[in-house]
Amino acid sequence: MSRRTEEELRLSARGIGILIFLVITLIAVAIIGVTTTYSIGISEVGILVNTYSGEVSGPIAGPTTQFFAKAPWTSSTRTMPSIFTGNIPL
């Protein structure tokens, strides 16, 4: 069995550059994925609110999960719709 020398195990400058690029790309995709994903549960209704322009879009009925579906500066707001069909006893 032959042992590799330390020089043989070193990465070249190009290899290190590619590795750094891949790590930065992976981190950027993860951040963009987290900020552009929303999930609305069962029996919930959601709206998307653009915090810069004040525009409201929706309603979005659940259950649903959307990946890369909204702008990072848009927030999703979930609410539980309630339907009251009777009288409140006093």
N, C-alpha and C. Protein backbone atom coordinates (compact mmCIF):
# COMPACT_ATOMS: atom_id res chain seq x y z
N MET A 1 0.84 -1.16 0.00
CA MET A 1 0.00 0.00 0.00
C MET A 1 0.90 1.24 0.00
N SER A 2 0.65 2.13 -0.90
CA SER A 2 1.47 3.33 -0.98
C SER A 2 0.79 4.48 -0.24
N ARG A 3 1.60 5.28 0.35
CA ARG A 3 1.09 6.46 1.05
C ARG A 3 1.24 7.66 0.15
N ARG A 4 0.24 8.48 0.15
CA ARG A 4 0.30 9.69 -0.64
C ARG A 4 1.04 10.77 0.13
N THR A 5 1.80 11.52 -0.57
CA THR A 5 2.51 12.61 0.08
C THR A 5 1.58 13.79 0.26
N GLU A 6 2.02 14.70 1.07
CA GLU A 6 1.21 15.88 1.36
C GLU A 6 0.98 16.70 0.10
N GLU A 7 1.91 16.76 -0.78
CA GLU A 7 1.77 17.52 -2.02
C GLU A 7 0.70 16.92 -2.93
N GLU A 8 0.58 15.62 -2.93
CA GLU A 8 -0.42 14.95 -3.76
C GLU A 8 -1.84 15.20 -3.25
N LEU A 9 -1.98 15.43 -1.96
CA LEU A 9 -3.31 15.61 -1.37
C LEU A 9 -3.78 17.06 -1.39
N ARG A 10 -2.92 18.00 -1.69
CA ARG A 10 -3.30 19.41 -1.72
C ARG A 10 -4.21 19.71 -2.90
N LEU A 11 -5.14 20.62 -2.67
CA LEU A 11 -6.00 21.11 -3.75
C LEU A 11 -5.29 22.24 -4.47
N SER A 12 -5.52 22.33 -5.74
CA SER A 12 -4.96 23.43 -6.50
C SER A 12 -5.76 24.70 -6.20
N ALA A 13 -5.23 25.83 -6.61
CA ALA A 13 -5.92 27.09 -6.40
C ALA A 13 -7.25 27.09 -7.15
N ARG A 14 -7.28 26.48 -8.31
CA ARG A 14 -8.52 26.41 -9.08
C ARG A 14 -9.55 25.53 -8.37
N GLY A 15 -9.11 24.42 -7.79
CA GLY A 15 -10.02 23.54 -7.05
C GLY A 15 -10.61 24.23 -5.84
N ILE A 16 -9.79 24.99 -5.13
CA ILE A 16 -10.29 25.74 -3.96
C ILE A 16 -11.28 26.80 -4.41
N GLY A 17 -11.01 27.47 -5.52
CA GLY A 17 -11.93 28.48 -6.05
C GLY A 17 -13.27 27.88 -6.42
N ILE A 18 -13.25 26.72 -7.06
CA ILE A 18 -14.50 26.04 -7.43
C ILE A 18 -15.26 25.61 -6.19
N LEU A 19 -14.56 25.11 -5.20
CA LEU A 19 -15.20 24.69 -3.95
C LEU A 19 -15.86 25.88 -3.24
N ILE A 20 -15.17 27.01 -3.17
CA ILE A 20 -15.74 28.21 -2.54
C ILE A 20 -16.96 28.69 -3.32
N PHE A 21 -16.88 28.69 -4.65
CA PHE A 21 -18.01 29.08 -5.48
C PHE A 21 -19.22 28.19 -5.23
N LEU A 22 -19.00 26.89 -5.15
CA LEU A 22 -20.11 25.96 -4.91
C LEU A 22 -20.75 26.16 -3.54
N VAL A 23 -19.94 26.41 -2.54
CA VAL A 23 -20.48 26.64 -1.19
C VAL A 23 -21.30 27.93 -1.16
N ILE A 24 -20.79 29.00 -1.76
CA ILE A 24 -21.53 30.27 -1.79
C ILE A 24 -22.83 30.12 -2.57
N THR A 25 -22.79 29.40 -3.69
CA THR A 25 -23.99 29.17 -4.48
C THR A 25 -25.03 28.37 -3.69
N LEU A 26 -24.59 27.35 -2.99
CA LEU A 26 -25.51 26.54 -2.18
C LEU A 26 -26.15 27.37 -1.08
N ILE A 27 -25.39 28.22 -0.42
CA ILE A 27 -25.93 29.07 0.63
C ILE A 27 -26.93 30.07 0.05
N ALA A 28 -26.61 30.66 -1.11
CA ALA A 28 -27.52 31.63 -1.74
C ALA A 28 -28.83 30.98 -2.15
N VAL A 29 -28.77 29.79 -2.73
CA VAL A 29 -29.99 29.09 -3.14
C VAL A 29 -30.83 28.73 -1.91
N ALA A 30 -30.19 28.34 -0.83
CA ALA A 30 -30.93 28.01 0.40
C ALA A 30 -31.63 29.24 0.97
N ILE A 31 -30.94 30.37 0.99
CA ILE A 31 -31.55 31.60 1.51
C ILE A 31 -32.72 32.04 0.63
N ILE A 32 -32.53 32.00 -0.68
CA ILE A 32 -33.62 32.39 -1.59
C ILE A 32 -34.79 31.42 -1.45
N GLY A 33 -34.51 30.13 -1.32
CA GLY A 33 -35.58 29.15 -1.16
C GLY A 33 -36.40 29.37 0.10
N VAL A 34 -35.73 29.69 1.19
CA VAL A 34 -36.44 29.90 2.45
C VAL A 34 -37.29 31.17 2.40
N THR A 35 -36.78 32.23 1.78
CA THR A 35 -37.52 33.50 1.77
C THR A 35 -38.61 33.57 0.72
N THR A 36 -38.67 32.60 -0.19
CA THR A 36 -39.70 32.64 -1.24
C THR A 36 -40.70 31.50 -1.14
N THR A 37 -40.72 30.81 -0.01
CA THR A 37 -41.62 29.67 0.19
C THR A 37 -42.67 30.01 1.23
N TYR A 38 -43.89 29.58 0.98
CA TYR A 38 -44.92 29.74 2.00
C TYR A 38 -45.75 28.46 2.07
N SER A 39 -46.34 28.25 3.24
CA SER A 39 -47.15 27.07 3.48
C SER A 39 -48.43 27.48 4.19
N ILE A 40 -49.54 26.94 3.73
CA ILE A 40 -50.84 27.23 4.33
C ILE A 40 -51.46 25.89 4.70
N GLY A 41 -51.86 25.76 5.94
CA GLY A 41 -52.35 24.49 6.45
C GLY A 41 -53.80 24.21 6.12
N ILE A 42 -54.26 23.08 6.62
CA ILE A 42 -55.64 22.66 6.44
C ILE A 42 -56.56 23.63 7.18
N SER A 43 -57.66 24.00 6.57
CA SER A 43 -58.66 24.92 7.12
C SER A 43 -58.10 26.32 7.35
N GLU A 44 -57.09 26.69 6.60
CA GLU A 44 -56.55 28.04 6.69
C GLU A 44 -56.65 28.72 5.33
N VAL A 45 -56.73 30.02 5.38
CA VAL A 45 -56.72 30.84 4.17
C VAL A 45 -55.59 31.84 4.33
N GLY A 46 -54.86 32.06 3.26
CA GLY A 46 -53.73 32.98 3.33
C GLY A 46 -53.83 34.08 2.31
N ILE A 47 -53.16 35.19 2.61
CA ILE A 47 -53.01 36.28 1.66
C ILE A 47 -51.54 36.64 1.60
N LEU A 48 -51.11 37.17 0.47
CA LEU A 48 -49.74 37.65 0.30
C LEU A 48 -49.77 39.17 0.31
N VAL A 49 -48.93 39.77 1.14
CA VAL A 49 -48.90 41.23 1.28
C VAL A 49 -47.53 41.72 0.85
N ASN A 50 -47.52 42.61 -0.16
CA ASN A 50 -46.28 43.23 -0.60
C ASN A 50 -46.02 44.40 0.34
N THR A 51 -44.95 44.32 1.13
CA THR A 51 -44.69 45.33 2.15
C THR A 51 -44.22 46.65 1.57
N TYR A 52 -43.74 46.66 0.34
CA TYR A 52 -43.29 47.91 -0.27
C TYR A 52 -44.44 48.69 -0.89
N SER A 53 -45.29 48.02 -1.66
CA SER A 53 -46.37 48.73 -2.35
C SER A 53 -47.70 48.65 -1.62
N GLY A 54 -47.83 47.75 -0.65
CA GLY A 54 -49.08 47.59 0.07
C GLY A 54 -50.10 46.75 -0.68
N GLU A 55 -49.70 46.16 -1.78
CA GLU A 55 -50.61 45.34 -2.59
C GLU A 55 -50.91 44.03 -1.86
N VAL A 56 -52.17 43.62 -1.90
CA VAL A 56 -52.61 42.39 -1.27
C VAL A 56 -53.11 41.45 -2.35
N SER A 57 -52.64 40.21 -2.34
CA SER A 57 -53.12 39.22 -3.31
C SER A 57 -53.61 37.99 -2.56
N GLY A 58 -54.61 37.37 -3.09
CA GLY A 58 -55.18 36.20 -2.44
C GLY A 58 -56.68 36.24 -2.60
N PRO A 59 -57.42 35.49 -1.94
CA PRO A 59 -57.06 34.52 -0.91
C PRO A 59 -56.52 33.22 -1.52
N ILE A 60 -55.71 32.55 -0.74
CA ILE A 60 -55.14 31.27 -1.12
C ILE A 60 -55.65 30.25 -0.12
N ALA A 61 -56.41 29.28 -0.59
CA ALA A 61 -57.00 28.26 0.29
C ALA A 61 -56.02 27.12 0.49
N GLY A 62 -55.91 26.68 1.74
CA GLY A 62 -55.01 25.58 2.06
C GLY A 62 -55.70 24.25 1.95
N PRO A 63 -55.05 23.16 2.04
CA PRO A 63 -53.62 23.04 2.33
C PRO A 63 -52.77 23.17 1.07
N THR A 64 -51.69 23.92 1.17
CA THR A 64 -50.76 24.06 0.06
C THR A 64 -49.40 24.50 0.57
N THR A 65 -48.37 24.12 -0.14
CA THR A 65 -47.02 24.60 0.09
C THR A 65 -46.45 24.97 -1.27
N GLN A 66 -45.99 26.19 -1.40
CA GLN A 66 -45.46 26.69 -2.66
C GLN A 66 -43.99 27.06 -2.47
N PHE A 67 -43.14 26.50 -3.30
CA PHE A 67 -41.72 26.80 -3.26
C PHE A 67 -41.40 27.80 -4.36
N PHE A 68 -40.58 28.78 -4.07
CA PHE A 68 -40.18 29.83 -5.01
C PHE A 68 -41.39 30.50 -5.65
N ALA A 69 -42.41 30.80 -4.84
CA ALA A 69 -43.67 31.31 -5.35
C ALA A 69 -43.94 32.77 -5.02
N LYS A 70 -43.12 33.38 -4.19
CA LYS A 70 -43.37 34.77 -3.83
C LYS A 70 -42.04 35.52 -3.78
N ALA A 71 -42.11 36.82 -3.84
CA ALA A 71 -40.90 37.63 -3.74
C ALA A 71 -40.42 37.62 -2.28
N PRO A 72 -39.12 37.74 -2.05
CA PRO A 72 -38.62 37.70 -0.67
C PRO A 72 -39.18 38.80 0.23
N TRP A 73 -39.56 39.95 -0.33
CA TRP A 73 -40.09 41.05 0.48
C TRP A 73 -41.60 40.94 0.69
N THR A 74 -42.22 39.93 0.14
CA THR A 74 -43.65 39.71 0.31
C THR A 74 -43.87 38.78 1.50
N SER A 75 -44.79 39.14 2.37
CA SER A 75 -45.06 38.30 3.53
C SER A 75 -46.38 37.57 3.33
N SER A 76 -46.43 36.36 3.85
CA SER A 76 -47.68 35.60 3.78
C SER A 76 -48.34 35.64 5.15
N THR A 77 -49.63 35.88 5.14
CA THR A 77 -50.40 35.96 6.37
C THR A 77 -51.48 34.89 6.32
N ARG A 78 -51.52 34.06 7.36
CA ARG A 78 -52.51 32.99 7.42
C ARG A 78 -53.59 33.35 8.42
N THR A 79 -54.80 32.93 8.11
CA THR A 79 -55.91 33.15 9.03
C THR A 79 -56.83 31.94 8.99
N MET A 80 -57.50 31.71 10.07
CA MET A 80 -58.48 30.62 10.15
C MET A 80 -59.85 31.21 9.87
N PRO A 81 -60.47 30.85 8.76
CA PRO A 81 -61.82 31.38 8.50
C PRO A 81 -62.81 30.77 9.48
N SER A 82 -63.70 31.59 9.96
CA SER A 82 -64.72 31.07 10.88
C SER A 82 -66.09 31.32 10.28
N ILE A 83 -66.92 30.35 10.42
CA ILE A 83 -68.29 30.45 9.93
C ILE A 83 -69.22 30.24 11.12
N PHE A 84 -70.01 31.24 11.40
CA PHE A 84 -70.95 31.14 12.53
C PHE A 84 -72.35 31.08 11.96
N THR A 85 -73.06 30.02 12.28
CA THR A 85 -74.40 29.85 11.72
C THR A 85 -75.50 29.87 12.77
N GLY A 86 -75.16 30.01 13.98
CA GLY A 86 -76.20 29.97 15.02
C GLY A 86 -76.17 31.18 15.91
N ASN A 87 -77.02 31.18 16.90
CA ASN A 87 -77.08 32.27 17.86
C ASN A 87 -76.16 31.96 19.04
N ILE A 88 -75.62 33.01 19.61
CA ILE A 88 -74.80 32.86 20.80
C ILE A 88 -75.74 32.85 22.01
N PRO A 89 -75.69 31.79 22.83
CA PRO A 89 -76.55 31.78 24.01
C PRO A 89 -76.06 32.83 25.02
N LEU A 90 -77.00 33.56 25.58
CA LEU A 90 -76.65 34.59 26.56
C LEU A 90 -76.80 34.11 27.95
